[in-house]
Amino acid sequence: MKNITLLLVALSFIKIEAQNVAPTVNSIPFIEVIGTAKKEIEPNQIFVSITLSEKSIDNKKYSIEAQEEKLKQSLQKWNIDLTNLTLSDFNSKIIRDKKNEIGFKQSKEYVLLLKSADEVSKIFKDLFEANIKEADVISVQHTNILQYVKEARIDALKAAKEKAQYLVEAIGNKIDQPLEIIEQSRNSDDFNYYRGNVYLKKEEAEQTISSSEFKKIVINISYKVKYSIK
């Protein structure tokens, strides 16, 4: 009988102690939602690769120097700073290493920075007329890309909160403080774009390139957010 009494007292003590334990996060009513945001940006930095090589067309020789002069004249005509035209470091090294080899055909590869599809259209038209056809758009970027990523993050979190609010209010409750915020993904299309050789054909050279022909920079942000419920 004494042992039974002691057991009942012990069980009663455990019950009281359990009632005084603070609730854990897992015991708090919550809702978990996904908020996403997407931004599409017109690039304002368009990088063009231009290769100049010695060639002969219709018995007329085109030296690299003459092609360089034509390229620079085109840039000046359209008020494009010559500092936007740089010689590829990798290409320069190849020329230094191989220019003394027998049978080596010298070429130079430049990278040209342009700011709009209109500039690309004008330059490519001039290149075609100068028989410089080895030109490709190799990548696009935007000078304020980090600001756009920040805005997309904010939009994604706002979307998550809005979703949590209307779902919880539908059952007569309200959300409280966020318990957990996790960025699930950030995809910015790698900010790269390859369009291919734009002027393989004459009819293509005569067409104006519009901004719609350039792939936009796409930023996708996703957040998983857990809100407590009041």
C-alpha atoms as a PDB file:
ATOM      1  CA  MET A   1       0.000   0.000   0.000  1.00  0.00           C
ATOM      2  CA  LYS A   2       2.864   2.343   0.834  1.00  0.00           C
ATOM      3  CA  ASN A   3       4.511   1.582  -2.526  1.00  0.00           C
ATOM      4  CA  ILE A   4       1.269   2.330  -4.400  1.00  0.00           C
ATOM      5  CA  THR A   5       0.946   5.689  -2.636  1.00  0.00           C
ATOM      6  CA  LEU A   6       4.529   6.657  -3.543  1.00  0.00           C
ATOM      7  CA  LEU A   7       3.913   5.701  -7.183  1.00  0.00           C
ATOM      8  CA  LEU A   8       0.789   7.858  -7.401  1.00  0.00           C
ATOM      9  CA  VAL A   9       2.665  10.831  -5.923  1.00  0.00           C
ATOM     10  CA  ALA A  10       5.488  10.400  -8.450  1.00  0.00           C
ATOM     11  CA  LEU A  11       3.083  10.248 -11.404  1.00  0.00           C
ATOM     12  CA  SER A  12       1.289  13.342 -10.161  1.00  0.00           C
ATOM     13  CA  PHE A  13       4.632  15.199  -9.935  1.00  0.00           C
ATOM     14  CA  ILE A  14       5.587  14.244 -13.495  1.00  0.00           C
ATOM     15  CA  LYS A  15       2.209  15.465 -14.786  1.00  0.00           C
ATOM     16  CA  ILE A  16       2.635  18.856 -13.086  1.00  0.00           C
ATOM     17  CA  GLU A  17       6.182  19.251 -14.422  1.00  0.00           C
ATOM     18  CA  ALA A  18       5.070  18.443 -17.977  1.00  0.00           C
ATOM     19  CA  GLN A  19       2.427  21.173 -17.843  1.00  0.00           C
ATOM     20  CA  ASN A  20       5.111  23.757 -17.032  1.00  0.00           C
ATOM     21  CA  VAL A  21       7.349  22.956 -20.037  1.00  0.00           C
ATOM     22  CA  ALA A  22       7.501  25.844 -22.578  1.00  0.00           C
ATOM     23  CA  PRO A  23       6.083  24.947 -26.015  1.00  0.00           C
ATOM     24  CA  THR A  24       8.681  24.155 -28.687  1.00  0.00           C
ATOM     25  CA  VAL A  25       8.613  25.495 -32.223  1.00  0.00           C
ATOM     26  CA  ASN A  26       7.163  22.202 -33.421  1.00  0.00           C
ATOM     27  CA  SER A  27       4.229  22.541 -31.047  1.00  0.00           C
ATOM     28  CA  ILE A  28       3.312  26.067 -32.255  1.00  0.00           C
ATOM     29  CA  PRO A  29       0.604  26.124 -34.931  1.00  0.00           C
ATOM     30  CA  PHE A  30       2.186  27.284 -38.168  1.00  0.00           C
ATOM     31  CA  ILE A  31       1.750  27.519 -41.911  1.00  0.00           C
ATOM     32  CA  GLU A  32       4.538  26.963 -44.432  1.00  0.00           C
ATOM     33  CA  VAL A  33       4.354  28.604 -47.865  1.00  0.00           C
ATOM     34  CA  ILE A  34       6.511  29.164 -50.938  1.00  0.00           C
ATOM     35  CA  GLY A  35       6.913  32.681 -52.337  1.00  0.00           C
ATOM     36  CA  THR A  36       8.372  33.240 -55.787  1.00  0.00           C
ATOM     37  CA  ALA A  37       9.291  36.236 -57.931  1.00  0.00           C
ATOM     38  CA  LYS A  38      10.494  36.659 -61.499  1.00  0.00           C
ATOM     39  CA  LYS A  39      12.114  39.626 -63.219  1.00  0.00           C
ATOM     40  CA  GLU A  40      12.988  39.994 -66.899  1.00  0.00           C
ATOM     41  CA  ILE A  41      15.585  42.622 -67.757  1.00  0.00           C
ATOM     42  CA  GLU A  42      16.674  44.119 -71.055  1.00  0.00           C
ATOM     43  CA  PRO A  43      20.490  43.831 -71.144  1.00  0.00           C
ATOM     44  CA  ASN A  44      22.527  47.024 -71.341  1.00  0.00           C
ATOM     45  CA  GLN A  45      25.867  45.264 -71.820  1.00  0.00           C
ATOM     46  CA  ILE A  46      26.127  43.159 -74.982  1.00  0.00           C
ATOM     47  CA  PHE A  47      29.473  41.477 -75.596  1.00  0.00           C
ATOM     48  CA  VAL A  48      30.395  40.722 -79.202  1.00  0.00           C
ATOM     49  CA  SER A  49      33.288  38.543 -80.312  1.00  0.00           C
ATOM     50  CA  ILE A  50      34.866  39.711 -83.584  1.00  0.00           C
ATOM     51  CA  THR A  51      37.582  37.701 -85.356  1.00  0.00           C
ATOM     52  CA  LEU A  52      39.749  39.356 -87.977  1.00  0.00           C
ATOM     53  CA  SER A  53      41.827  37.126 -90.240  1.00  0.00           C
ATOM     54  CA  GLU A  54      43.850  37.528 -93.400  1.00  0.00           C
ATOM     55  CA  LYS A  55      41.662  36.617 -96.371  1.00  0.00           C
ATOM     56  CA  SER A  56      41.260  36.915-100.097  1.00  0.00           C
ATOM     57  CA  ILE A  57      37.815  37.448-101.659  1.00  0.00           C
ATOM     58  CA  ASP A  58      37.325  37.777-105.434  1.00  0.00           C
ATOM     59  CA  ASN A  59      41.095  38.133-105.858  1.00  0.00           C
ATOM     60  CA  LYS A  60      41.098  41.024-103.430  1.00  0.00           C
ATOM     61  CA  LYS A  61      43.213  40.696-100.303  1.00  0.00           C
ATOM     62  CA  TYR A  62      41.977  41.887 -96.920  1.00  0.00           C
ATOM     63  CA  SER A  63      44.727  42.398 -94.374  1.00  0.00           C
ATOM     64  CA  ILE A  64      44.053  42.370 -90.649  1.00  0.00           C
ATOM     65  CA  GLU A  65      45.258  45.972 -90.419  1.00  0.00           C
ATOM     66  CA  ALA A  66      42.778  47.132 -93.067  1.00  0.00           C
ATOM     67  CA  GLN A  67      39.929  45.309 -91.322  1.00  0.00           C
ATOM     68  CA  GLU A  68      40.919  46.832 -87.984  1.00  0.00           C
ATOM     69  CA  GLU A  69      40.741  50.282 -89.532  1.00  0.00           C
ATOM     70  CA  LYS A  70      37.268  49.568 -90.970  1.00  0.00           C
ATOM     71  CA  LEU A  71      36.074  48.336 -87.585  1.00  0.00           C
ATOM     72  CA  LYS A  72      37.353  51.425 -85.775  1.00  0.00           C
ATOM     73  CA  GLN A  73      35.819  53.707 -88.393  1.00  0.00           C
ATOM     74  CA  SER A  74      32.460  52.036 -87.799  1.00  0.00           C
ATOM     75  CA  LEU A  75      32.737  52.579 -84.051  1.00  0.00           C
ATOM     76  CA  GLN A  76      33.603  56.239 -84.515  1.00  0.00           C
ATOM     77  CA  LYS A  77      30.735  56.710 -86.981  1.00  0.00           C
ATOM     78  CA  TRP A  78      28.221  55.507 -84.377  1.00  0.00           C
ATOM     79  CA  ASN A  79      29.872  57.348 -81.458  1.00  0.00           C
ATOM     80  CA  ILE A  80      30.995  54.157 -79.737  1.00  0.00           C
ATOM     81  CA  ASP A  81      34.047  54.631 -77.541  1.00  0.00           C
ATOM     82  CA  LEU A  82      37.112  52.847 -78.928  1.00  0.00           C
ATOM     83  CA  THR A  83      37.952  51.721 -75.391  1.00  0.00           C
ATOM     84  CA  ASN A  84      34.952  49.378 -75.663  1.00  0.00           C
ATOM     85  CA  LEU A  85      36.987  47.351 -78.161  1.00  0.00           C
ATOM     86  CA  THR A  86      39.598  45.118 -76.522  1.00  0.00           C
ATOM     87  CA  LEU A  87      41.884  42.431 -77.889  1.00  0.00           C
ATOM     88  CA  SER A  88      41.266  39.028 -76.338  1.00  0.00           C
ATOM     89  CA  ASP A  89      44.150  38.178 -73.984  1.00  0.00           C
ATOM     90  CA  PHE A  90      43.965  34.508 -74.947  1.00  0.00           C
ATOM     91  CA  ASN A  91      44.073  35.361 -78.643  1.00  0.00           C
ATOM     92  CA  SER A  92      47.049  37.702 -78.147  1.00  0.00           C
ATOM     93  CA  LYS A  93      49.024  34.904 -76.491  1.00  0.00           C
ATOM     94  CA  ILE A  94      48.302  32.534 -79.388  1.00  0.00           C
ATOM     95  CA  ILE A  95      49.567  35.133 -81.890  1.00  0.00           C
ATOM     96  CA  ARG A  96      52.788  35.664 -79.908  1.00  0.00           C
ATOM     97  CA  ASP A  97      53.409  31.936 -79.591  1.00  0.00           C
ATOM     98  CA  LYS A  98      52.619  30.923 -83.181  1.00  0.00           C
ATOM     99  CA  LYS A  99      53.364  33.852 -85.466  1.00  0.00           C
ATOM    100  CA  ASN A 100      56.769  32.389 -86.379  1.00  0.00           C
ATOM    101  CA  GLU A 101      55.402  28.955 -87.267  1.00  0.00           C
ATOM    102  CA  ILE A 102      55.461  27.988 -90.949  1.00  0.00           C
ATOM    103  CA  GLY A 103      51.999  28.149 -92.504  1.00  0.00           C
ATOM    104  CA  PHE A 104      50.476  29.979 -89.564  1.00  0.00           C
ATOM    105  CA  LYS A 105      47.591  32.212 -90.651  1.00  0.00           C
ATOM    106  CA  GLN A 106      47.424  35.156 -88.331  1.00  0.00           C
ATOM    107  CA  SER A 107      44.133  36.315 -86.866  1.00  0.00           C
ATOM    108  CA  LYS A 108      42.986  38.590 -84.085  1.00  0.00           C
ATOM    109  CA  GLU A 109      39.979  38.162 -81.839  1.00  0.00           C
ATOM    110  CA  TYR A 110      38.387  41.214 -80.300  1.00  0.00           C
ATOM    111  CA  VAL A 111      35.644  41.632 -77.728  1.00  0.00           C
ATOM    112  CA  LEU A 112      33.371  44.628 -78.283  1.00  0.00           C
ATOM    113  CA  LEU A 113      31.070  45.999 -75.601  1.00  0.00           C
ATOM    114  CA  LEU A 114      27.815  47.482 -76.906  1.00  0.00           C
ATOM    115  CA  LYS A 115      24.844  48.914 -75.006  1.00  0.00           C
ATOM    116  CA  SER A 116      21.795  48.156 -77.132  1.00  0.00           C
ATOM    117  CA  ALA A 117      20.355  46.024 -79.906  1.00  0.00           C
ATOM    118  CA  ASP A 118      20.383  49.133 -82.110  1.00  0.00           C
ATOM    119  CA  GLU A 119      24.153  49.448 -81.725  1.00  0.00           C
ATOM    120  CA  VAL A 120      24.572  45.749 -82.503  1.00  0.00           C
ATOM    121  CA  SER A 121      22.483  46.118 -85.670  1.00  0.00           C
ATOM    122  CA  LYS A 122      24.504  49.079 -86.929  1.00  0.00           C
ATOM    123  CA  ILE A 123      27.897  47.515 -86.211  1.00  0.00           C
ATOM    124  CA  PHE A 124      27.020  44.132 -87.715  1.00  0.00           C
ATOM    125  CA  LYS A 125      25.758  45.798 -90.889  1.00  0.00           C
ATOM    126  CA  ASP A 126      29.063  47.665 -91.251  1.00  0.00           C
ATOM    127  CA  LEU A 127      31.025  44.493 -90.548  1.00  0.00           C
ATOM    128  CA  PHE A 128      29.178  42.623 -93.275  1.00  0.00           C
ATOM    129  CA  GLU A 129      29.824  45.393 -95.790  1.00  0.00           C
ATOM    130  CA  ALA A 130      33.540  45.226 -94.871  1.00  0.00           C
ATOM    131  CA  ASN A 131      33.532  41.415 -95.411  1.00  0.00           C
ATOM    132  CA  ILE A 132      34.051  40.811 -91.697  1.00  0.00           C
ATOM    133  CA  LYS A 133      31.592  38.027 -90.972  1.00  0.00           C
ATOM    134  CA  GLU A 134      33.140  36.255 -87.994  1.00  0.00           C
ATOM    135  CA  ALA A 135      31.150  38.083 -85.327  1.00  0.00           C
ATOM    136  CA  ASP A 136      28.995  36.636 -82.575  1.00  0.00           C
ATOM    137  CA  VAL A 137      27.058  37.898 -79.587  1.00  0.00           C
ATOM    138  CA  ILE A 138      28.622  35.844 -76.787  1.00  0.00           C
ATOM    139  CA  SER A 139      26.969  37.176 -73.623  1.00  0.00           C
ATOM    140  CA  VAL A 140      24.661  39.818 -72.189  1.00  0.00           C
ATOM    141  CA  GLN A 141      24.650  41.465 -68.778  1.00  0.00           C
ATOM    142  CA  HIS A 142      23.168  44.417 -66.916  1.00  0.00           C
ATOM    143  CA  THR A 143      25.080  46.969 -64.882  1.00  0.00           C
ATOM    144  CA  ASN A 144      22.425  46.994 -62.103  1.00  0.00           C
ATOM    145  CA  ILE A 145      21.879  43.248 -61.893  1.00  0.00           C
ATOM    146  CA  LEU A 146      22.481  43.106 -58.116  1.00  0.00           C
ATOM    147  CA  GLN A 147      19.770  45.712 -57.512  1.00  0.00           C
ATOM    148  CA  TYR A 148      17.313  43.683 -59.593  1.00  0.00           C
ATOM    149  CA  VAL A 149      18.177  40.539 -57.624  1.00  0.00           C
ATOM    150  CA  LYS A 150      17.501  42.453 -54.384  1.00  0.00           C
ATOM    151  CA  GLU A 151      14.116  43.622 -55.681  1.00  0.00           C
ATOM    152  CA  ALA A 152      13.207  40.084 -56.724  1.00  0.00           C
ATOM    153  CA  ARG A 153      14.061  38.788 -53.240  1.00  0.00           C
ATOM    154  CA  ILE A 154      11.790  41.378 -51.627  1.00  0.00           C
ATOM    155  CA  ASP A 155       8.979  40.550 -54.050  1.00  0.00           C
ATOM    156  CA  ALA A 156       9.320  36.817 -53.303  1.00  0.00           C
ATOM    157  CA  LEU A 157       9.068  37.386 -49.532  1.00  0.00           C
ATOM    158  CA  LYS A 158       6.049  39.666 -49.988  1.00  0.00           C
ATOM    159  CA  ALA A 159       4.398  36.982 -52.124  1.00  0.00           C
ATOM    160  CA  ALA A 160       5.004  34.385 -49.421  1.00  0.00           C
ATOM    161  CA  LYS A 161       3.476  36.617 -46.728  1.00  0.00           C
ATOM    162  CA  GLU A 162       0.436  37.447 -48.851  1.00  0.00           C
ATOM    163  CA  LYS A 163      -0.185  33.761 -49.564  1.00  0.00           C
ATOM    164  CA  ALA A 164       0.123  32.829 -45.879  1.00  0.00           C
ATOM    165  CA  GLN A 165      -2.249  35.631 -44.866  1.00  0.00           C
ATOM    166  CA  TYR A 166      -5.129  34.764 -47.171  1.00  0.00           C
ATOM    167  CA  LEU A 167      -4.842  31.042 -46.481  1.00  0.00           C
ATOM    168  CA  VAL A 168      -4.878  31.467 -42.701  1.00  0.00           C
ATOM    169  CA  GLU A 169      -7.620  34.113 -42.788  1.00  0.00           C
ATOM    170  CA  ALA A 170      -9.750  31.674 -44.770  1.00  0.00           C
ATOM    171  CA  ILE A 171      -9.965  29.533 -41.611  1.00  0.00           C
ATOM    172  CA  GLY A 172     -10.550  32.478 -39.270  1.00  0.00           C
ATOM    173  CA  ASN A 173      -7.006  32.996 -37.980  1.00  0.00           C
ATOM    174  CA  LYS A 174      -4.129  35.397 -38.486  1.00  0.00           C
ATOM    175  CA  ILE A 175      -0.419  34.871 -39.062  1.00  0.00           C
ATOM    176  CA  ASP A 176       2.136  35.996 -36.494  1.00  0.00           C
ATOM    177  CA  GLN A 177       5.920  36.252 -36.738  1.00  0.00           C
ATOM    178  CA  PRO A 178       7.924  34.240 -39.299  1.00  0.00           C
ATOM    179  CA  LEU A 179       9.588  31.235 -37.696  1.00  0.00           C
ATOM    180  CA  GLU A 180      11.822  30.308 -40.598  1.00  0.00           C
ATOM    181  CA  ILE A 181      12.927  31.883 -43.904  1.00  0.00           C
ATOM    182  CA  ILE A 182      14.896  29.807 -46.390  1.00  0.00           C
ATOM    183  CA  GLU A 183      15.998  30.924 -49.857  1.00  0.00           C
ATOM    184  CA  GLN A 184      15.416  27.867 -51.991  1.00  0.00           C
ATOM    185  CA  SER A 185      16.855  28.982 -55.292  1.00  0.00           C
ATOM    186  CA  ARG A 186      18.212  31.890 -57.227  1.00  0.00           C
ATOM    187  CA  ASN A 187      18.445  31.433 -60.929  1.00  0.00           C
ATOM    188  CA  SER A 188      19.524  34.336 -63.116  1.00  0.00           C
ATOM    189  CA  ASP A 189      19.844  32.533 -66.439  1.00  0.00           C
ATOM    190  CA  ASP A 190      23.587  32.713 -65.824  1.00  0.00           C
ATOM    191  CA  PHE A 191      23.506  36.156 -67.537  1.00  0.00           C
ATOM    192  CA  ASN A 192      24.922  34.470 -70.658  1.00  0.00           C
ATOM    193  CA  TYR A 193      23.584  34.397 -74.148  1.00  0.00           C
ATOM    194  CA  TYR A 194      24.872  32.994 -77.387  1.00  0.00           C
ATOM    195  CA  ARG A 195      23.090  34.020 -80.531  1.00  0.00           C
ATOM    196  CA  GLY A 196      25.390  32.473 -83.140  1.00  0.00           C
ATOM    197  CA  ASN A 197      26.898  34.028 -86.227  1.00  0.00           C
ATOM    198  CA  VAL A 198      24.348  36.710 -87.045  1.00  0.00           C
ATOM    199  CA  TYR A 199      25.387  37.545 -90.569  1.00  0.00           C
ATOM    200  CA  LEU A 200      25.966  34.309 -92.410  1.00  0.00           C
ATOM    201  CA  LYS A 201      23.637  35.479 -95.189  1.00  0.00           C
ATOM    202  CA  LYS A 202      23.272  38.796 -96.952  1.00  0.00           C
ATOM    203  CA  GLU A 203      19.521  38.950 -96.354  1.00  0.00           C
ATOM    204  CA  GLU A 204      20.160  38.627 -92.626  1.00  0.00           C
ATOM    205  CA  ALA A 205      22.629  41.498 -92.749  1.00  0.00           C
ATOM    206  CA  GLU A 206      20.027  43.800 -94.212  1.00  0.00           C
ATOM    207  CA  GLN A 207      17.616  43.206 -91.359  1.00  0.00           C
ATOM    208  CA  THR A 208      17.536  45.419 -88.290  1.00  0.00           C
ATOM    209  CA  ILE A 209      18.168  43.602 -85.039  1.00  0.00           C
ATOM    210  CA  SER A 210      15.575  44.484 -82.401  1.00  0.00           C
ATOM    211  CA  SER A 211      15.818  44.083 -78.638  1.00  0.00           C
ATOM    212  CA  SER A 212      13.247  41.281 -78.841  1.00  0.00           C
ATOM    213  CA  GLU A 213      15.837  39.134 -80.638  1.00  0.00           C
ATOM    214  CA  PHE A 214      18.056  39.216 -77.573  1.00  0.00           C
ATOM    215  CA  LYS A 215      17.256  36.860 -74.774  1.00  0.00           C
ATOM    216  CA  LYS A 216      16.340  38.836 -71.674  1.00  0.00           C
ATOM    217  CA  ILE A 217      18.112  38.279 -68.386  1.00  0.00           C
ATOM    218  CA  VAL A 218      15.636  36.329 -66.252  1.00  0.00           C
ATOM    219  CA  ILE A 219      15.911  36.354 -62.444  1.00  0.00           C
ATOM    220  CA  ASN A 220      13.952  33.699 -60.532  1.00  0.00           C
ATOM    221  CA  ILE A 221      13.853  33.821 -56.720  1.00  0.00           C
ATOM    222  CA  SER A 222      12.092  31.372 -54.412  1.00  0.00           C
ATOM    223  CA  TYR A 223      11.671  31.437 -50.605  1.00  0.00           C
ATOM    224  CA  LYS A 224      10.174  28.910 -48.198  1.00  0.00           C
ATOM    225  CA  VAL A 225       8.688  30.775 -45.220  1.00  0.00           C
ATOM    226  CA  LYS A 226       7.121  29.361 -42.066  1.00  0.00           C
ATOM    227  CA  TYR A 227       4.710  31.636 -40.124  1.00  0.00           C
ATOM    228  CA  SER A 228       3.269  30.989 -36.697  1.00  0.00           C
ATOM    229  CA  ILE A 229      -0.526  31.217 -36.414  1.00  0.00           C
ATOM    230  CA  LYS A 230      -2.149  33.382 -33.717  1.00  0.00           C
END
